[in-house]
PDB file of N, CA and C in Angstrom:
ATOM      1  N   MET A   1      58.504-110.494 -19.730  1.00  0.00           N
ATOM      2  CA  MET A   1      57.469-110.509 -20.741  1.00  0.00           C
ATOM      3  C   MET A   1      57.954-111.329 -21.929  1.00  0.00           C
ATOM      4  N   THR A   2      57.098-112.198 -22.449  1.00  0.00           N
ATOM      5  CA  THR A   2      57.494-113.025 -23.581  1.00  0.00           C
ATOM      6  C   THR A   2      57.171-112.321 -24.884  1.00  0.00           C
ATOM      7  N   ASP A   3      57.952-112.635 -25.911  1.00  0.00           N
ATOM      8  CA  ASP A   3      57.692-112.057 -27.223  1.00  0.00           C
ATOM      9  C   ASP A   3      56.430-112.683 -27.805  1.00  0.00           C
ATOM     10  N   GLN A   4      55.567-111.834 -28.352  1.00  0.00           N
ATOM     11  CA  GLN A   4      54.375-112.337 -29.009  1.00  0.00           C
ATOM     12  C   GLN A   4      54.645-112.419 -30.502  1.00  0.00           C
ATOM     13  N   PRO A   5      54.029-113.371 -31.194  1.00  0.00           N
ATOM     14  CA  PRO A   5      54.210-113.439 -32.640  1.00  0.00           C
ATOM     15  C   PRO A   5      53.589-112.228 -33.317  1.00  0.00           C
ATOM     16  N   THR A   6      54.103-111.864 -34.484  1.00  0.00           N
ATOM     17  CA  THR A   6      53.559-110.715 -35.205  1.00  0.00           C
ATOM     18  C   THR A   6      52.459-111.124 -36.163  1.00  0.00           C
ATOM     19  N   THR A   7      52.255-112.417 -36.354  1.00  0.00           N
ATOM     20  CA  THR A   7      51.168-112.904 -37.198  1.00  0.00           C
ATOM     21  C   THR A   7      50.434-114.005 -36.453  1.00  0.00           C
ATOM     22  N   PRO A   8      49.161-114.236 -36.824  1.00  0.00           N
ATOM     23  CA  PRO A   8      48.455-115.346 -36.192  1.00  0.00           C
ATOM     24  C   PRO A   8      49.181-116.657 -36.440  1.00  0.00           C
ATOM     25  N   THR A   9      49.111-117.555 -35.486  1.00  0.00           N
ATOM     26  CA  THR A   9      49.746-118.862 -35.632  1.00  0.00           C
ATOM     27  C   THR A   9      48.686-119.934 -35.538  1.00  0.00           C
ATOM     28  N   GLU A  10      48.932-121.042 -36.190  1.00  0.00           N
ATOM     29  CA  GLU A  10      47.972-122.135 -36.147  1.00  0.00           C
ATOM     30  C   GLU A  10      48.370-123.146 -35.084  1.00  0.00           C
ATOM     31  N   GLU A  11      47.396-123.603 -34.337  1.00  0.00           N
ATOM     32  CA  GLU A  11      47.586-124.684 -33.381  1.00  0.00           C
ATOM     33  C   GLU A  11      46.497-125.695 -33.676  1.00  0.00           C
ATOM     34  N   THR A  12      46.834-126.958 -33.709  1.00  0.00           N
ATOM     35  CA  THR A  12      45.807-127.953 -33.997  1.00  0.00           C
ATOM     36  C   THR A  12      45.189-128.450 -32.705  1.00  0.00           C
ATOM     37  N   ASP A  13      43.876-128.579 -32.746  1.00  0.00           N
ATOM     38  CA  ASP A  13      43.160-129.111 -31.590  1.00  0.00           C
ATOM     39  C   ASP A  13      42.650-130.519 -31.887  1.00  0.00           C
ATOM     40  N   GLY A  14      43.226-131.156 -32.895  1.00  0.00           N
ATOM     41  CA  GLY A  14      42.805-132.487 -33.270  1.00  0.00           C
ATOM     42  C   GLY A  14      41.799-132.501 -34.404  1.00  0.00           C
ATOM     43  N   MET A  15      41.048-131.428 -34.573  1.00  0.00           N
ATOM     44  CA  MET A  15      40.036-131.380 -35.622  1.00  0.00           C
ATOM     45  C   MET A  15      40.314-130.232 -36.591  1.00  0.00           C
ATOM     46  N   MET A  16      40.171-129.025 -36.117  1.00  0.00           N
ATOM     47  CA  MET A  16      40.320-127.844 -36.967  1.00  0.00           C
ATOM     48  C   MET A  16      41.454-126.990 -36.427  1.00  0.00           C
ATOM     49  N   PRO A  17      42.185-126.291 -37.307  1.00  0.00           N
ATOM     50  CA  PRO A  17      43.199-125.375 -36.792  1.00  0.00           C
ATOM     51  C   PRO A  17      42.535-124.198 -36.085  1.00  0.00           C
ATOM     52  N   ALA A  18      43.098-123.786 -34.984  1.00  0.00           N
ATOM     53  CA  ALA A  18      42.621-122.605 -34.266  1.00  0.00           C
ATOM     54  C   ALA A  18      43.668-121.517 -34.430  1.00  0.00           C
ATOM     55  N   ARG A  19      43.241-120.298 -34.642  1.00  0.00           N
ATOM     56  CA  ARG A  19      44.192-119.212 -34.847  1.00  0.00           C
ATOM     57  C   ARG A  19      44.295-118.377 -33.572  1.00  0.00           C
ATOM     58  N   THR A  20      45.522-118.071 -33.202  1.00  0.00           N
ATOM     59  CA  THR A  20      45.750-117.150 -32.102  1.00  0.00           C
ATOM     60  C   THR A  20      46.392-115.913 -32.692  1.00  0.00           C
ATOM     61  N   CYS A  21      46.341-114.840 -31.981  1.00  0.00           N
ATOM     62  CA  CYS A  21      46.696-113.586 -32.602  1.00  0.00           C
ATOM     63  C   CYS A  21      47.456-112.675 -31.650  1.00  0.00           C
ATOM     64  N   SER A  22      48.400-111.908 -32.210  1.00  0.00           N
ATOM     65  CA  SER A  22      49.131-110.933 -31.412  1.00  0.00           C
ATOM     66  C   SER A  22      48.312-109.651 -31.308  1.00  0.00           C
ATOM     67  N   ALA A  23      48.803-108.696 -30.552  1.00  0.00           N
ATOM     68  CA  ALA A  23      48.087-107.451 -30.305  1.00  0.00           C
ATOM     69  C   ALA A  23      47.922-106.602 -31.559  1.00  0.00           C
ATOM     70  N   SER A  24      48.725-106.817 -32.603  1.00  0.00           N
ATOM     71  CA  SER A  24      48.621-105.995 -33.804  1.00  0.00           C
ATOM     72  C   SER A  24      47.425-106.381 -34.676  1.00  0.00           C
ATOM     73  N   TRP A  25      46.875-107.556 -34.486  1.00  0.00           N
ATOM     74  CA  TRP A  25      45.694-108.000 -35.222  1.00  0.00           C
ATOM     75  C   TRP A  25      44.464-107.761 -34.369  1.00  0.00           C
ATOM     76  N   ILE A  26      43.337-107.448 -35.010  1.00  0.00           N
ATOM     77  CA  ILE A  26      42.093-107.161 -34.304  1.00  0.00           C
ATOM     78  C   ILE A  26      41.125-108.309 -34.553  1.00  0.00           C
ATOM     79  N   ASP A  27      40.496-108.786 -33.509  1.00  0.00           N
ATOM     80  CA  ASP A  27      39.526-109.865 -33.627  1.00  0.00           C
ATOM     81  C   ASP A  27      38.374-109.418 -34.533  1.00  0.00           C
ATOM     82  N   ALA A  28      37.875-110.319 -35.367  1.00  0.00           N
ATOM     83  CA  ALA A  28      36.819-109.982 -36.321  1.00  0.00           C
ATOM     84  C   ALA A  28      35.508-109.600 -35.645  1.00  0.00           C
ATOM     85  N   ALA A  29      35.345-109.926 -34.371  1.00  0.00           N
ATOM     86  CA  ALA A  29      34.149-109.506 -33.645  1.00  0.00           C
ATOM     87  C   ALA A  29      34.112-107.987 -33.491  1.00  0.00           C
ATOM     88  N   THR A  30      35.277-107.342 -33.535  1.00  0.00           N
ATOM     89  CA  THR A  30      35.373-105.884 -33.505  1.00  0.00           C
ATOM     90  C   THR A  30      35.463-105.405 -34.944  1.00  0.00           C
ATOM     91  N   LYS A  31      34.398-104.824 -35.445  1.00  0.00           N
ATOM     92  CA  LYS A  31      34.345-104.403 -36.846  1.00  0.00           C
ATOM     93  C   LYS A  31      35.070-103.071 -37.046  1.00  0.00           C
ATOM     94  N   PRO A  32      35.643-102.867 -38.239  1.00  0.00           N
ATOM     95  CA  PRO A  32      36.257-101.573 -38.544  1.00  0.00           C
ATOM     96  C   PRO A  32      35.197-100.474 -38.562  1.00  0.00           C
ATOM     97  N   THR A  33      35.636 -99.243 -38.452  1.00  0.00           N
ATOM     98  CA  THR A  33      34.737 -98.103 -38.592  1.00  0.00           C
ATOM     99  C   THR A  33      35.238 -97.256 -39.746  1.00  0.00           C
ATOM    100  N   GLY A  34      34.376 -96.439 -40.280  1.00  0.00           N
ATOM    101  CA  GLY A  34      34.807 -95.518 -41.334  1.00  0.00           C
ATOM    102  C   GLY A  34      34.595 -96.067 -42.733  1.00  0.00           C
ATOM    103  N   TRP A  35      35.356 -95.505 -43.641  1.00  0.00           N
ATOM    104  CA  TRP A  35      35.207 -95.729 -45.069  1.00  0.00           C
ATOM    105  C   TRP A  35      35.499 -97.154 -45.498  1.00  0.00           C
ATOM    106  N   GLU A  36      34.930 -97.498 -46.688  1.00  0.00           N
ATOM    107  CA  GLU A  36      35.275 -98.757 -47.340  1.00  0.00           C
ATOM    108  C   GLU A  36      36.748 -98.715 -47.697  1.00  0.00           C
ATOM    109  N   ARG A  37      37.457 -99.800 -47.408  1.00  0.00           N
ATOM    110  CA  ARG A  37      38.899 -99.793 -47.644  1.00  0.00           C
ATOM    111  C   ARG A  37      39.450-101.209 -47.660  1.00  0.00           C
ATOM    112  N   LYS A  38      40.691-101.312 -48.155  1.00  0.00           N
ATOM    113  CA  LYS A  38      41.388-102.590 -48.126  1.00  0.00           C
ATOM    114  C   LYS A  38      41.821-102.878 -46.700  1.00  0.00           C
ATOM    115  N   VAL A  39      41.733-104.131 -46.320  1.00  0.00           N
ATOM    116  CA  VAL A  39      42.220-104.583 -45.018  1.00  0.00           C
ATOM    117  C   VAL A  39      42.915-105.924 -45.212  1.00  0.00           C
ATOM    118  N   LEU A  40      43.836-106.211 -44.338  1.00  0.00           N
ATOM    119  CA  LEU A  40      44.496-107.507 -44.328  1.00  0.00           C
ATOM    120  C   LEU A  40      43.672-108.407 -43.419  1.00  0.00           C
ATOM    121  N   VAL A  41      43.294-109.592 -43.888  1.00  0.00           N
ATOM    122  CA  VAL A  41      42.421-110.467 -43.109  1.00  0.00           C
ATOM    123  C   VAL A  41      42.986-111.879 -43.022  1.00  0.00           C
ATOM    124  N   TRP A  42      42.721-112.538 -41.898  1.00  0.00           N
ATOM    125  CA  TRP A  42      42.989-113.971 -41.745  1.00  0.00           C
ATOM    126  C   TRP A  42      41.668-114.665 -41.977  1.00  0.00           C
ATOM    127  N   VAL A  43      41.670-115.647 -42.872  1.00  0.00           N
ATOM    128  CA  VAL A  43      40.443-116.327 -43.269  1.00  0.00           C
ATOM    129  C   VAL A  43      40.532-117.799 -42.904  1.00  0.00           C
ATOM    130  N   VAL A  44      39.468-118.335 -42.342  1.00  0.00           N
ATOM    131  CA  VAL A  44      39.346-119.770 -42.110  1.00  0.00           C
ATOM    132  C   VAL A  44      38.272-120.252 -43.071  1.00  0.00           C
ATOM    133  N   TRP A  45      38.688-121.001 -44.064  1.00  0.00           N
ATOM    134  CA  TRP A  45      37.737-121.532 -45.035  1.00  0.00           C
ATOM    135  C   TRP A  45      37.096-122.792 -44.465  1.00  0.00           C
ATOM    136  N   PRO A  46      35.825-123.007 -44.732  1.00  0.00           N
ATOM    137  CA  PRO A  46      35.156-124.220 -44.231  1.00  0.00           C
ATOM    138  C   PRO A  46      35.816-125.487 -44.780  1.00  0.00           C
ATOM    139  N   PRO A  47      35.714-126.597 -44.065  1.00  0.00           N
ATOM    140  CA  PRO A  47      36.364-127.839 -44.499  1.00  0.00           C
ATOM    141  C   PRO A  47      35.568-128.580 -45.572  1.00  0.00           C
ATOM    142  N   CYS A  48      35.092-127.861 -46.594  1.00  0.00           N
ATOM    143  CA  CYS A  48      34.285-128.502 -47.638  1.00  0.00           C
ATOM    144  C   CYS A  48      35.017-128.476 -48.974  1.00  0.00           C
ATOM    145  N   GLY A  49      36.334-128.642 -48.932  1.00  0.00           N
ATOM    146  CA  GLY A  49      37.096-128.672 -50.168  1.00  0.00           C
ATOM    147  C   GLY A  49      37.652-127.322 -50.587  1.00  0.00           C
ATOM    148  N   TRP A  50      37.314-126.247 -49.865  1.00  0.00           N
ATOM    149  CA  TRP A  50      37.873-124.941 -50.192  1.00  0.00           C
ATOM    150  C   TRP A  50      39.330-124.924 -49.768  1.00  0.00           C
ATOM    151  N   PRO A  51      40.146-124.126 -50.429  1.00  0.00           N
ATOM    152  CA  PRO A  51      41.571-124.088 -50.071  1.00  0.00           C
ATOM    153  C   PRO A  51      41.802-123.462 -48.697  1.00  0.00           C
ATOM    154  N   GLN A  52      42.867-123.869 -48.061  1.00  0.00           N
ATOM    155  CA  GLN A  52      43.307-123.262 -46.796  1.00  0.00           C
ATOM    156  C   GLN A  52      44.508-122.388 -47.105  1.00  0.00           C
ATOM    157  N   TRP A  53      44.517-121.140 -46.683  1.00  0.00           N
ATOM    158  CA  TRP A  53      45.651-120.254 -46.893  1.00  0.00           C
ATOM    159  C   TRP A  53      46.417-120.081 -45.594  1.00  0.00           C
ATOM    160  N   PRO A  54      47.713-120.352 -45.598  1.00  0.00           N
ATOM    161  CA  PRO A  54      48.498-120.209 -44.375  1.00  0.00           C
ATOM    162  C   PRO A  54      48.939-118.773 -44.119  1.00  0.00           C
ATOM    163  N   GLU A  55      48.610-117.858 -45.024  1.00  0.00           N
ATOM    164  CA  GLU A  55      49.025-116.466 -44.887  1.00  0.00           C
ATOM    165  C   GLU A  55      47.791-115.575 -44.932  1.00  0.00           C
ATOM    166  N   PRO A  56      47.921-114.346 -44.439  1.00  0.00           N
ATOM    167  CA  PRO A  56      46.786-113.424 -44.516  1.00  0.00           C
ATOM    168  C   PRO A  56      46.507-113.032 -45.966  1.00  0.00           C
ATOM    169  N   LEU A  57      45.275-112.620 -46.219  1.00  0.00           N
ATOM    170  CA  LEU A  57      44.844-112.192 -47.545  1.00  0.00           C
ATOM    171  C   LEU A  57      44.458-110.726 -47.516  1.00  0.00           C
ATOM    172  N   ILE A  58      44.496-110.089 -48.671  1.00  0.00           N
ATOM    173  CA  ILE A  58      43.973-108.728 -48.776  1.00  0.00           C
ATOM    174  C   ILE A  58      42.489-108.844 -49.082  1.00  0.00           C
ATOM    175  N   GLY A  59      41.692-108.223 -48.250  1.00  0.00           N
ATOM    176  CA  GLY A  59      40.248-108.216 -48.435  1.00  0.00           C
ATOM    177  C   GLY A  59      39.750-106.779 -48.385  1.00  0.00           C
ATOM    178  N   TRP A  60      38.458-106.619 -48.233  1.00  0.00           N
ATOM    179  CA  TRP A  60      37.844-105.295 -48.164  1.00  0.00           C
ATOM    180  C   TRP A  60      36.944-105.205 -46.947  1.00  0.00           C
ATOM    181  N   TRP A  61      36.888-104.012 -46.363  1.00  0.00           N
ATOM    182  CA  TRP A  61      35.847-103.695 -45.400  1.00  0.00           C
ATOM    183  C   TRP A  61      34.794-102.937 -46.188  1.00  0.00           C
ATOM    184  N   LYS A  62      33.581-103.463 -46.267  1.00  0.00           N
ATOM    185  CA  LYS A  62      32.479-102.839 -46.990  1.00  0.00           C
ATOM    186  C   LYS A  62      31.663-102.027 -45.989  1.00  0.00           C
ATOM    187  N   HIS A  63      31.835-100.707 -46.022  1.00  0.00           N
ATOM    188  CA  HIS A  63      31.208 -99.821 -45.043  1.00  0.00           C
ATOM    189  C   HIS A  63      29.681 -99.883 -45.101  1.00  0.00           C
ATOM    190  N   GLY A  64      29.115 -99.823 -46.307  1.00  0.00           N
ATOM    191  CA  GLY A  64      27.653 -99.791 -46.456  1.00  0.00           C
ATOM    192  C   GLY A  64      26.961-100.963 -45.782  1.00  0.00           C
ATOM    193  N   PRO A  65      27.248-102.194 -46.217  1.00  0.00           N
ATOM    194  CA  PRO A  65      26.599-103.342 -45.570  1.00  0.00           C
ATOM    195  C   PRO A  65      27.249-103.753 -44.253  1.00  0.00           C
ATOM    196  N   GLY A  66      28.406-103.188 -43.927  1.00  0.00           N
ATOM    197  CA  GLY A  66      29.077-103.520 -42.671  1.00  0.00           C
ATOM    198  C   GLY A  66      29.630-104.925 -42.637  1.00  0.00           C
ATOM    199  N   CYS A  67      30.367-105.294 -43.691  1.00  0.00           N
ATOM    200  CA  CYS A  67      30.906-106.648 -43.728  1.00  0.00           C
ATOM    201  C   CYS A  67      32.279-106.677 -44.404  1.00  0.00           C
ATOM    202  N   PHE A  68      33.000-107.758 -44.167  1.00  0.00           N
ATOM    203  CA  PHE A  68      34.253-108.018 -44.859  1.00  0.00           C
ATOM    204  C   PHE A  68      33.936-108.713 -46.178  1.00  0.00           C
ATOM    205  N   ALA A  69      34.792-108.520 -47.181  1.00  0.00           N
ATOM    206  CA  ALA A  69      34.676-109.223 -48.458  1.00  0.00           C
ATOM    207  C   ALA A  69      36.050-109.764 -48.818  1.00  0.00           C
ATOM    208  N   VAL A  70      36.081-110.986 -49.335  1.00  0.00           N
ATOM    209  CA  VAL A  70      37.338-111.628 -49.725  1.00  0.00           C
ATOM    210  C   VAL A  70      37.104-112.348 -51.041  1.00  0.00           C
ATOM    211  N   GLY A  71      37.960-112.077 -52.038  1.00  0.00           N
ATOM    212  CA  GLY A  71      37.808-112.739 -53.327  1.00  0.00           C
ATOM    213  C   GLY A  71      36.430-112.471 -53.900  1.00  0.00           C
ATOM    214  N   ASN A  72      35.703-113.533 -54.250  1.00  0.00           N
ATOM    215  CA  ASN A  72      34.357-113.359 -54.793  1.00  0.00           C
ATOM    216  C   ASN A  72      33.274-113.534 -53.732  1.00  0.00           C
ATOM    217  N   VAL A  73      33.663-113.601 -52.469  1.00  0.00           N
ATOM    218  CA  VAL A  73      32.697-113.713 -51.368  1.00  0.00           C
ATOM    219  C   VAL A  73      32.392-112.301 -50.873  1.00  0.00           C
ATOM    220  N   GLU A  74      31.179-111.808 -51.188  1.00  0.00           N
ATOM    221  CA  GLU A  74      30.819-110.432 -50.850  1.00  0.00           C
ATOM    222  C   GLU A  74      30.639-110.214 -49.354  1.00  0.00           C
ATOM    223  N   ASN A  75      30.069-111.181 -48.649  1.00  0.00           N
ATOM    224  CA  ASN A  75      29.929-111.067 -47.200  1.00  0.00           C
ATOM    225  C   ASN A  75      30.709-112.216 -46.579  1.00  0.00           C
ATOM    226  N   ALA A  76      31.951-111.924 -46.186  1.00  0.00           N
ATOM    227  CA  ALA A  76      32.848-112.957 -45.658  1.00  0.00           C
ATOM    228  C   ALA A  76      33.002-112.873 -44.148  1.00  0.00           C
ATOM    229  N   ASN A  77      32.045-112.239 -43.462  1.00  0.00           N
ATOM    230  CA  ASN A  77      32.158-112.110 -42.006  1.00  0.00           C
ATOM    231  C   ASN A  77      32.330-113.461 -41.325  1.00  0.00           C
ATOM    232  N   HIS A  78      31.679-114.490 -41.835  1.00  0.00           N
ATOM    233  CA  HIS A  78      31.747-115.820 -41.215  1.00  0.00           C
ATOM    234  C   HIS A  78      33.078-116.515 -41.492  1.00  0.00           C
ATOM    235  N   LEU A  79      33.896-115.981 -42.411  1.00  0.00           N
ATOM    236  CA  LEU A  79      35.182-116.584 -42.755  1.00  0.00           C
ATOM    237  C   LEU A  79      36.370-115.869 -42.123  1.00  0.00           C
ATOM    238  N   VAL A  80      36.191-114.604 -41.761  1.00  0.00           N
ATOM    239  CA  VAL A  80      37.296-113.781 -41.257  1.00  0.00           C
ATOM    240  C   VAL A  80      37.420-113.954 -39.750  1.00  0.00           C
ATOM    241  N   THR A  81      38.649-114.261 -39.288  1.00  0.00           N
ATOM    242  CA  THR A  81      38.881-114.391 -37.846  1.00  0.00           C
ATOM    243  C   THR A  81      39.540-113.152 -37.264  1.00  0.00           C
ATOM    244  N   HIS A  82      40.451-112.503 -38.011  1.00  0.00           N
ATOM    245  CA  HIS A  82      41.163-111.311 -37.546  1.00  0.00           C
ATOM    246  C   HIS A  82      41.399-110.380 -38.727  1.00  0.00           C
ATOM    247  N   TRP A  83      41.609-109.105 -38.451  1.00  0.00           N
ATOM    248  CA  TRP A  83      41.867-108.138 -39.506  1.00  0.00           C
ATOM    249  C   TRP A  83      42.856-107.084 -39.030  1.00  0.00           C
ATOM    250  N   MET A  84      43.423-106.361 -39.999  1.00  0.00           N
ATOM    251  CA  MET A  84      44.368-105.276 -39.719  1.00  0.00           C
ATOM    252  C   MET A  84      44.259-104.272 -40.868  1.00  0.00           C
ATOM    253  N   ASP A  85      44.241-102.979 -40.545  1.00  0.00           N
ATOM    254  CA  ASP A  85      44.222-101.953 -41.588  1.00  0.00           C
ATOM    255  C   ASP A  85      45.500-101.983 -42.402  1.00  0.00           C
ATOM    256  N   ILE A  86      45.383-101.676 -43.687  1.00  0.00           N
ATOM    257  CA  ILE A  86      46.537-101.520 -44.565  1.00  0.00           C
ATOM    258  C   ILE A  86      46.736-100.026 -44.746  1.00  0.00           C
ATOM    259  N   PRO A  87      47.880 -99.476 -44.340  1.00  0.00           N
ATOM    260  CA  PRO A  87      48.103 -98.040 -44.515  1.00  0.00           C
ATOM    261  C   PRO A  87      48.123 -97.674 -45.998  1.00  0.00           C
ATOM    262  N   GLU A  88      47.337 -96.681 -46.369  1.00  0.00           N
ATOM    263  CA  GLU A  88      47.326 -96.192 -47.747  1.00  0.00           C
ATOM    264  C   GLU A  88      47.576 -94.696 -47.710  1.00  0.00           C
ATOM    265  N   THR A  89      48.663 -94.273 -48.316  1.00  0.00           N
ATOM    266  CA  THR A  89      49.044 -92.863 -48.257  1.00  0.00           C
ATOM    267  C   THR A  89      48.134 -91.979 -49.087  1.00  0.00           C
ATOM    268  N   ASN A  90      47.469 -92.522 -50.099  1.00  0.00           N
ATOM    269  CA  ASN A  90      46.612 -91.696 -50.947  1.00  0.00           C
ATOM    270  C   ASN A  90      45.141 -91.776 -50.552  1.00  0.00           C
ATOM    271  N   ALA A  91      44.816 -92.341 -49.420  1.00  0.00           N
ATOM    272  CA  ALA A  91      43.421 -92.522 -49.024  1.00  0.00           C
ATOM    273  C   ALA A  91      42.734 -91.200 -48.707  1.00  0.00           C
ATOM    274  N   GLU A  92      43.399 -90.272 -48.047  1.00  0.00           N
ATOM    275  CA  GLU A  92      42.767 -89.011 -47.656  1.00  0.00           C
ATOM    276  C   GLU A  92      42.313 -88.175 -48.847  1.00  0.00           C
ATOM    277  N   PRO A  93      43.144 -87.973 -49.906  1.00  0.00           N
ATOM    278  CA  PRO A  93      42.650 -87.205 -51.051  1.00  0.00           C
ATOM    279  C   PRO A  93      41.436 -87.855 -51.715  1.00  0.00           C
ATOM    280  N   ILE A  94      41.384 -89.189 -51.748  1.00  0.00           N
ATOM    281  CA  ILE A  94      40.239 -89.877 -52.342  1.00  0.00           C
ATOM    282  C   ILE A  94      38.994 -89.617 -51.506  1.00  0.00           C
ATOM    283  N   ARG A  95      39.119 -89.696 -50.188  1.00  0.00           N
ATOM    284  CA  ARG A  95      37.979 -89.441 -49.304  1.00  0.00           C
ATOM    285  C   ARG A  95      37.501 -88.002 -49.438  1.00  0.00           C
ATOM    286  N   ALA A  96      38.433 -87.048 -49.548  1.00  0.00           N
ATOM    287  CA  ALA A  96      38.065 -85.639 -49.695  1.00  0.00           C
ATOM    288  C   ALA A  96      37.290 -85.431 -50.993  1.00  0.00           C
ATOM    289  N   ALA A  97      37.707 -86.093 -52.065  1.00  0.00           N
ATOM    290  CA  ALA A  97      37.007 -85.976 -53.343  1.00  0.00           C
ATOM    291  C   ALA A  97      35.610 -86.580 -53.250  1.00  0.00           C
ATOM    292  N   GLN A  98      35.463 -87.694 -52.533  1.00  0.00           N
ATOM    293  CA  GLN A  98      34.149 -88.310 -52.368  1.00  0.00           C
ATOM    294  C   GLN A  98      33.229 -87.408 -51.561  1.00  0.00           C
ATOM    295  N   ASP A  99      33.761 -86.732 -50.548  1.00  0.00           N
ATOM    296  CA  ASP A  99      32.957 -85.842 -49.717  1.00  0.00           C
ATOM    297  C   ASP A  99      32.452 -84.636 -50.490  1.00  0.00           C
ATOM    298  N   SER A 100      33.205 -84.179 -51.497  1.00  0.00           N
ATOM    299  CA  SER A 100      32.829 -82.974 -52.228  1.00  0.00           C
ATOM    300  C   SER A 100      31.778 -83.248 -53.296  1.00  0.00           C
ATOM    301  N   ASP A 101      31.500 -84.528 -53.587  1.00  0.00           N
ATOM    302  CA  ASP A 101      30.487 -84.862 -54.611  1.00  0.00           C
ATOM    303  C   ASP A 101      29.095 -84.557 -54.135  1.00  0.00           C
TER     304      ASP A 101
END
């Protein structure tokens, strides 16, 4: 068995970079479930002068509208290729407080 990378890697196809992903990252076609929360996302910005980031970004999963958000882009589903949950140790007490309202 070969070692898989722990982060997406870029491969050029002559035009646009294509991202491949190890098993620890989830394809953006599979949406998160549950509460709104921070997630680590790989973003492909369109080739219209927007910056390209070679590293993952911290974004949000917006539970209500069912979309990813990154920076000032409220619905970034079309920009996100892969995502991964960020473990938050204080998430459960916050959720419990929200449930009691």
